C-alpha atoms as a PDB file:
ATOM      1  CA  MET A   1      -7.130  -5.459  18.902  1.00  0.00           C
ATOM      2  CA  SER A   2      -6.109  -1.604  18.411  1.00  0.00           C
ATOM      3  CA  THR A   3      -9.190  -2.114  15.632  1.00  0.00           C
ATOM      4  CA  ALA A   4     -12.480  -3.796  15.899  1.00  0.00           C
ATOM      5  CA  ARG A   5     -13.059  -5.984  13.126  1.00  0.00           C
ATOM      6  CA  GLY A   6     -14.204  -8.894  11.592  1.00  0.00           C
ATOM      7  CA  TYR A   7     -13.261 -10.543   8.053  1.00  0.00           C
ATOM      8  CA  PHE A   8      -9.367 -10.028   8.180  1.00  0.00           C
ATOM      9  CA  THR A   9      -5.936 -11.289   7.658  1.00  0.00           C
ATOM     10  CA  MET A  10      -3.749 -12.814   9.559  1.00  0.00           C
ATOM     11  CA  THR A  11       0.112 -13.914   8.336  1.00  0.00           C
ATOM     12  CA  PRO A  12       2.977 -14.910  10.964  1.00  0.00           C
ATOM     13  CA  LEU A  13       5.969 -12.718   9.598  1.00  0.00           C
ATOM     14  CA  GLN A  14       9.791 -13.494  10.640  1.00  0.00           C
ATOM     15  CA  ASN A  15       9.874 -11.649  13.585  1.00  0.00           C
ATOM     16  CA  GLY A  16       7.479 -13.958  15.929  1.00  0.00           C
ATOM     17  CA  GLU A  17       5.047 -11.049  14.870  1.00  0.00           C
ATOM     18  CA  VAL A  18       1.456 -11.429  12.966  1.00  0.00           C
ATOM     19  CA  LEU A  19       0.385  -9.564  11.181  1.00  0.00           C
ATOM     20  CA  ALA A  20      -3.388  -8.960  11.341  1.00  0.00           C
ATOM     21  CA  ALA A  21      -4.966  -7.025   7.890  1.00  0.00           C
ATOM     22  CA  GLY A  22      -7.896  -5.544   6.767  1.00  0.00           C
ATOM     23  CA  GLY A  23     -11.198  -6.392   8.004  1.00  0.00           C
ATOM     24  CA  TYR A  24     -14.835  -5.527   8.681  1.00  0.00           C
ATOM     25  CA  ASN A  25     -15.708  -4.052  11.573  1.00  0.00           C
ATOM     26  CA  GLY A  26     -19.668  -3.915  11.721  1.00  0.00           C
ATOM     27  CA  PHE A  27     -20.535  -0.784  10.278  1.00  0.00           C
ATOM     28  CA  VAL A  28     -17.127   0.017   7.561  1.00  0.00           C
ATOM     29  CA  GLN A  29     -13.983  -2.263   6.290  1.00  0.00           C
ATOM     30  CA  VAL A  30     -10.945  -1.648   7.882  1.00  0.00           C
ATOM     31  CA  LEU A  31      -8.095   0.119   6.289  1.00  0.00           C
ATOM     32  CA  THR A  32      -5.075  -0.704   8.942  1.00  0.00           C
ATOM     33  CA  ALA A  33      -2.919  -2.566   9.917  1.00  0.00           C
ATOM     34  CA  GLU A  34      -1.667  -4.177  13.263  1.00  0.00           C
ATOM     35  CA  PHE A  35       1.040  -6.244  14.494  1.00  0.00           C
ATOM     36  CA  TYR A  36       0.576  -8.699  17.810  1.00  0.00           C
ATOM     37  CA  ASN A  37       3.194  -9.517  19.712  1.00  0.00           C
ATOM     38  CA  GLN A  38       2.834 -13.725  20.601  1.00  0.00           C
ATOM     39  CA  THR A  39       5.037 -13.025  23.552  1.00  0.00           C
ATOM     40  CA  SER A  40       2.890  -9.820  25.083  1.00  0.00           C
ATOM     41  CA  GLY A  41      -0.198 -10.293  23.267  1.00  0.00           C
ATOM     42  CA  ILE A  42      -0.066  -6.392  22.866  1.00  0.00           C
ATOM     43  CA  PHE A  43      -1.161  -5.259  19.099  1.00  0.00           C
ATOM     44  CA  SER A  44       0.186  -2.214  18.101  1.00  0.00           C
ATOM     45  CA  LEU A  45      -0.704  -0.884  14.664  1.00  0.00           C
ATOM     46  CA  THR A  46       0.996   0.316  11.635  1.00  0.00           C
ATOM     47  CA  GLY A  47       0.935   1.132   8.726  1.00  0.00           C
ATOM     48  CA  SER A  48      -3.157   1.410   6.418  1.00  0.00           C
ATOM     49  CA  GLN A  49      -3.586  -0.128   2.637  1.00  0.00           C
ATOM     50  CA  THR A  50      -4.038   1.715   0.247  1.00  0.00           C
ATOM     51  CA  ASN A  51      -6.903  -0.316  -1.216  1.00  0.00           C
ATOM     52  CA  GLN A  52      -9.983  -2.002   1.301  1.00  0.00           C
ATOM     53  CA  GLN A  53      -8.298  -5.244   0.696  1.00  0.00           C
ATOM     54  CA  GLY A  54      -9.776  -8.666   2.629  1.00  0.00           C
ATOM     55  CA  GLY A  55      -8.635 -11.543   0.467  1.00  0.00           C
ATOM     56  CA  PRO A  56      -5.895 -13.869   1.282  1.00  0.00           C
ATOM     57  CA  ALA A  57      -2.331 -12.866   2.241  1.00  0.00           C
ATOM     58  CA  THR A  58       1.057 -14.841   2.368  1.00  0.00           C
ATOM     59  CA  ARG A  59       4.451 -13.769   3.590  1.00  0.00           C
ATOM     60  CA  LEU A  60       6.849 -14.421   0.600  1.00  0.00           C
ATOM     61  CA  HIS A  61      10.471 -15.551   0.552  1.00  0.00           C
ATOM     62  CA  THR A  62      11.433 -11.703   1.424  1.00  0.00           C
ATOM     63  CA  GLY A  63       9.178 -11.328   4.659  1.00  0.00           C
ATOM     64  CA  ASP A  64       7.110  -9.497   2.326  1.00  0.00           C
ATOM     65  CA  VAL A  65       3.807  -9.666   2.959  1.00  0.00           C
ATOM     66  CA  LEU A  66       0.869 -10.326  -0.427  1.00  0.00           C
ATOM     67  CA  ILE A  67      -2.300  -9.022   0.520  1.00  0.00           C
ATOM     68  CA  ALA A  68      -4.686  -9.565  -2.889  1.00  0.00           C
ATOM     69  CA  GLY A  69      -8.235  -9.093  -3.873  1.00  0.00           C
ATOM     70  CA  GLY A  70     -10.770  -8.843  -1.508  1.00  0.00           C
ATOM     71  CA  TYR A  71     -14.604  -6.969  -1.381  1.00  0.00           C
ATOM     72  CA  ASP A  72     -15.468  -4.002  -1.369  1.00  0.00           C
ATOM     73  CA  ASP A  73     -19.202  -4.195  -2.126  1.00  0.00           C
ATOM     74  CA  ALA A  74     -17.617  -5.981  -5.252  1.00  0.00           C
ATOM     75  CA  SER A  75     -15.235  -7.814  -5.807  1.00  0.00           C
ATOM     76  CA  LEU A  76     -11.199  -6.072  -5.703  1.00  0.00           C
ATOM     77  CA  ALA A  77      -9.031  -6.935  -8.782  1.00  0.00           C
ATOM     78  CA  THR A  78      -6.063  -4.887  -6.420  1.00  0.00           C
ATOM     79  CA  ALA A  79      -2.837  -6.716  -4.706  1.00  0.00           C
ATOM     80  CA  GLU A  80      -0.545  -4.574  -2.462  1.00  0.00           C
ATOM     81  CA  LEU A  81       2.456  -5.631  -0.555  1.00  0.00           C
ATOM     82  CA  TYR A  82       3.026  -4.657   2.661  1.00  0.00           C
ATOM     83  CA  ASN A  83       6.971  -4.978   3.633  1.00  0.00           C
ATOM     84  CA  PRO A  84       7.081  -5.372   7.863  1.00  0.00           C
ATOM     85  CA  THR A  85      10.352  -3.570   8.236  1.00  0.00           C
ATOM     86  CA  ALA A  86       9.085  -0.171   6.068  1.00  0.00           C
ATOM     87  CA  THR A  87       5.201   0.897   6.349  1.00  0.00           C
ATOM     88  CA  HIS A  88       1.968  -0.762   4.722  1.00  0.00           C
ATOM     89  CA  SER A  89       0.918  -1.003   0.622  1.00  0.00           C
ATOM     90  CA  LEU A  90       4.231   0.344  -0.412  1.00  0.00           C
ATOM     91  CA  LEU A  91       3.365  -2.096  -4.598  1.00  0.00           C
ATOM     92  CA  GLN A  92      -0.170  -1.555  -5.938  1.00  0.00           C
ATOM     93  CA  ARG A  93      -0.976  -2.827  -8.438  1.00  0.00           C
ATOM     94  CA  ASN A  94      -4.288  -4.622 -10.516  1.00  0.00           C
ATOM     95  CA  HIS A  95      -4.394  -8.280 -11.187  1.00  0.00           C
ATOM     96  CA  ARG A  96      -6.131 -10.259 -14.181  1.00  0.00           C
ATOM     97  CA  GLY A  97     -10.314 -10.910 -12.673  1.00  0.00           C
ATOM     98  CA  GLU A  98     -11.249 -10.529  -9.584  1.00  0.00           C
ATOM     99  CA  VAL A  99     -10.998 -12.139  -6.652  1.00  0.00           C
ATOM    100  CA  GLU A 100     -13.196 -12.296  -3.020  1.00  0.00           C
ATOM    101  CA  ARG A 101     -12.289 -14.696  -1.526  1.00  0.00           C
ATOM    102  CA  ASP A 102      -8.915 -16.665  -2.226  1.00  0.00           C
ATOM    103  CA  ARG A 103      -6.181 -18.707  -0.564  1.00  0.00           C
ATOM    104  CA  ALA A 104      -2.406 -18.084  -1.306  1.00  0.00           C
ATOM    105  CA  ILE A 105       0.154 -20.703  -0.583  1.00  0.00           C
ATOM    106  CA  SER A 106       3.450 -19.980  -0.320  1.00  0.00           C
END
């Protein structure tokens, strides 16, 4: 990985790569996201998140990845939409209630 992190999300993308986003490095929340190429075994940085999301992530039928909720000294009530063909955090919305740990199913 380019950035050390734990407690992050990994989401398979339509192109075969995997998106690793958010997490915690032992000191602070990590805002960056990375692609993992399963063929080469190489991680490469991509855009950063607007919020310190760390909640569940799921790939939508459009290919975008929805990351919702998380924890930053309190449960978060935000969500971000990642477009793998553009950059991270194209959409940020508040949602009803807080989500700390949950699971998204597509």
